[in-house]
C-alpha atoms as a PDB file:
ATOM      1  CA  MET A   1      71.775  77.854-210.321  1.00  0.00           C
ATOM      2  CA  LEU A   2      75.020  79.795-209.991  1.00  0.00           C
ATOM      3  CA  TRP A   3      73.305  83.068-210.961  1.00  0.00           C
ATOM      4  CA  SER A   4      70.623  82.539-208.339  1.00  0.00           C
ATOM      5  CA  ILE A   5      73.208  81.989-205.635  1.00  0.00           C
ATOM      6  CA  LEU A   6      75.115  85.116-206.733  1.00  0.00           C
ATOM      7  CA  SER A   7      71.907  87.094-206.655  1.00  0.00           C
ATOM      8  CA  VAL A   8      71.294  86.076-203.021  1.00  0.00           C
ATOM      9  CA  VAL A   9      74.892  86.799-202.049  1.00  0.00           C
ATOM     10  CA  PHE A  10      74.774  90.235-203.617  1.00  0.00           C
ATOM     11  CA  ALA A  11      71.407  90.991-201.982  1.00  0.00           C
ATOM     12  CA  LEU A  12      72.801  89.936-198.617  1.00  0.00           C
ATOM     13  CA  ALA A  13      75.839  92.161-199.063  1.00  0.00           C
ATOM     14  CA  ALA A  14      73.552  95.112-199.930  1.00  0.00           C
ATOM     15  CA  ALA A  15      71.423  94.476-196.860  1.00  0.00           C
ATOM     16  CA  ILE A  16      74.484  94.322-194.606  1.00  0.00           C
ATOM     17  CA  LEU A  17      75.896  97.592-195.943  1.00  0.00           C
ATOM     18  CA  TRP A  18      72.523  99.401-195.673  1.00  0.00           C
ATOM     19  CA  GLY A  19      72.101  98.097-192.181  1.00  0.00           C
ATOM     20  CA  TRP A  20      75.632  99.226-191.289  1.00  0.00           C
ATOM     21  CA  SER A  21      74.959 102.689-192.667  1.00  0.00           C
ATOM     22  CA  ALA A  22      71.907 102.969-190.383  1.00  0.00           C
ATOM     23  CA  PHE A  23      74.127 102.583-187.309  1.00  0.00           C
ATOM     24  CA  VAL A  24      76.711 105.255-188.163  1.00  0.00           C
ATOM     25  CA  TYR A  25      76.573 107.938-185.543  1.00  0.00           C
ATOM     26  CA  VAL A  26      75.974 111.420-186.954  1.00  0.00           C
ATOM     27  CA  PRO A  27      77.249 114.129-184.570  1.00  0.00           C
ATOM     28  CA  ILE A  28      74.813 116.867-183.544  1.00  0.00           C
ATOM     29  CA  LEU A  29      75.749 120.351-184.781  1.00  0.00           C
ATOM     30  CA  LYS A  30      75.282 123.261-182.456  1.00  0.00           C
ATOM     31  CA  SER A  31      76.017 126.864-183.147  1.00  0.00           C
ATOM     32  CA  GLY A  32      77.045 129.406-180.688  1.00  0.00           C
ATOM     33  CA  TYR A  33      78.957 132.627-180.669  1.00  0.00           C
ATOM     34  CA  GLY A  34      79.735 132.502-184.398  1.00  0.00           C
ATOM     35  CA  SER A  35      81.140 128.952-184.558  1.00  0.00           C
ATOM     36  CA  LEU A  36      79.761 125.451-185.060  1.00  0.00           C
ATOM     37  CA  VAL A  37      80.385 122.747-182.503  1.00  0.00           C
ATOM     38  CA  SER A  38      79.991 119.000-183.143  1.00  0.00           C
ATOM     39  CA  ILE A  39      78.648 116.958-180.233  1.00  0.00           C
ATOM     40  CA  LEU A  40      80.289 113.552-180.504  1.00  0.00           C
ATOM     41  CA  GLN A  41      78.874 110.205-179.428  1.00  0.00           C
ATOM     42  CA  ASP A  42      80.691 110.219-176.068  1.00  0.00           C
ATOM     43  CA  GLY A  43      79.253 113.639-175.254  1.00  0.00           C
ATOM     44  CA  SER A  44      82.457 115.556-175.924  1.00  0.00           C
ATOM     45  CA  GLN A  45      82.524 118.578-178.181  1.00  0.00           C
ATOM     46  CA  GLU A  46      84.743 119.407-181.141  1.00  0.00           C
ATOM     47  CA  VAL A  47      84.821 122.797-182.796  1.00  0.00           C
ATOM     48  CA  GLY A  48      83.835 122.686-186.441  1.00  0.00           C
ATOM     49  CA  GLU A  49      81.641 120.527-188.602  1.00  0.00           C
ATOM     50  CA  ALA A  50      84.357 118.050-189.750  1.00  0.00           C
ATOM     51  CA  PRO A  51      83.061 115.065-187.698  1.00  0.00           C
ATOM     52  CA  PHE A  52      79.553 115.698-189.042  1.00  0.00           C
ATOM     53  CA  TYR A  53      80.729 115.664-192.679  1.00  0.00           C
ATOM     54  CA  ALA A  54      82.966 112.653-192.024  1.00  0.00           C
ATOM     55  CA  ALA A  55      79.896 110.731-190.798  1.00  0.00           C
ATOM     56  CA  LEU A  56      77.947 111.771-193.892  1.00  0.00           C
ATOM     57  CA  ARG A  57      80.776 110.620-196.113  1.00  0.00           C
ATOM     58  CA  LYS A  58      80.872 107.225-194.431  1.00  0.00           C
ATOM     59  CA  ILE A  59      77.125 106.793-194.772  1.00  0.00           C
ATOM     60  CA  SER A  60      77.295 107.897-198.434  1.00  0.00           C
ATOM     61  CA  ARG A  61      79.999 105.363-199.235  1.00  0.00           C
ATOM     62  CA  LEU A  62      78.162 102.540-197.469  1.00  0.00           C
ATOM     63  CA  ASN A  63      74.922 103.410-199.324  1.00  0.00           C
ATOM     64  CA  ALA A  64      76.755 103.564-202.655  1.00  0.00           C
ATOM     65  CA  GLY A  65      78.290 100.124-202.013  1.00  0.00           C
ATOM     66  CA  ALA A  66      74.889  98.754-201.064  1.00  0.00           C
ATOM     67  CA  ALA A  67      73.271 100.184-204.155  1.00  0.00           C
ATOM     68  CA  ALA A  68      76.044  98.623-206.305  1.00  0.00           C
ATOM     69  CA  PHE A  69      75.430  95.224-204.710  1.00  0.00           C
ATOM     70  CA  ALA A  70      71.674  95.604-205.206  1.00  0.00           C
ATOM     71  CA  CYS A  71      72.300  96.365-208.882  1.00  0.00           C
ATOM     72  CA  LEU A  72      74.466  93.290-209.240  1.00  0.00           C
ATOM     73  CA  SER A  73      71.806  91.220-207.504  1.00  0.00           C
ATOM     74  CA  ALA A  74      69.130  92.432-209.872  1.00  0.00           C
ATOM     75  CA  ALA A  75      71.376  91.778-212.873  1.00  0.00           C
ATOM     76  CA  ALA A  76      72.160  88.207-211.654  1.00  0.00           C
ATOM     77  CA  GLN A  77      68.436  87.632-211.104  1.00  0.00           C
ATOM     78  CA  ALA A  78      67.687  88.898-214.582  1.00  0.00           C
ATOM     79  CA  VAL A  79      70.214  86.370-216.057  1.00  0.00           C
ATOM     80  CA  THR A  80      68.373  83.535-214.287  1.00  0.00           C
ATOM     81  CA  LEU A  81      65.146  84.592-216.087  1.00  0.00           C
ATOM     82  CA  LEU A  82      66.706  84.430-219.546  1.00  0.00           C
ATOM     83  CA  PRO A  83      65.551  81.385-221.548  1.00  0.00           C
ATOM     84  CA  HIS A  84      68.009  78.521-221.406  1.00  0.00           C
ATOM     85  CA  LYS A  85      68.849  76.320-224.386  1.00  0.00           C
END
């Protein structure tokens, strides 16, 4: 019973992290006159691609955490399927 509950908790954590990663704003990159400009969520502009790569890093970390929780969920579910004595 404990492993089934853990499986559900891990699956829920994975779903939350994947959902969160879907809502991370990724700035739009524009090029002009030899430089890149990031268009931020509020419409302002920042020279360079640093905000773009920061958003990708955040999404990557959230996805990695979600994948780890999905792995733990699958492992916990596999334990529940093992024959009990």
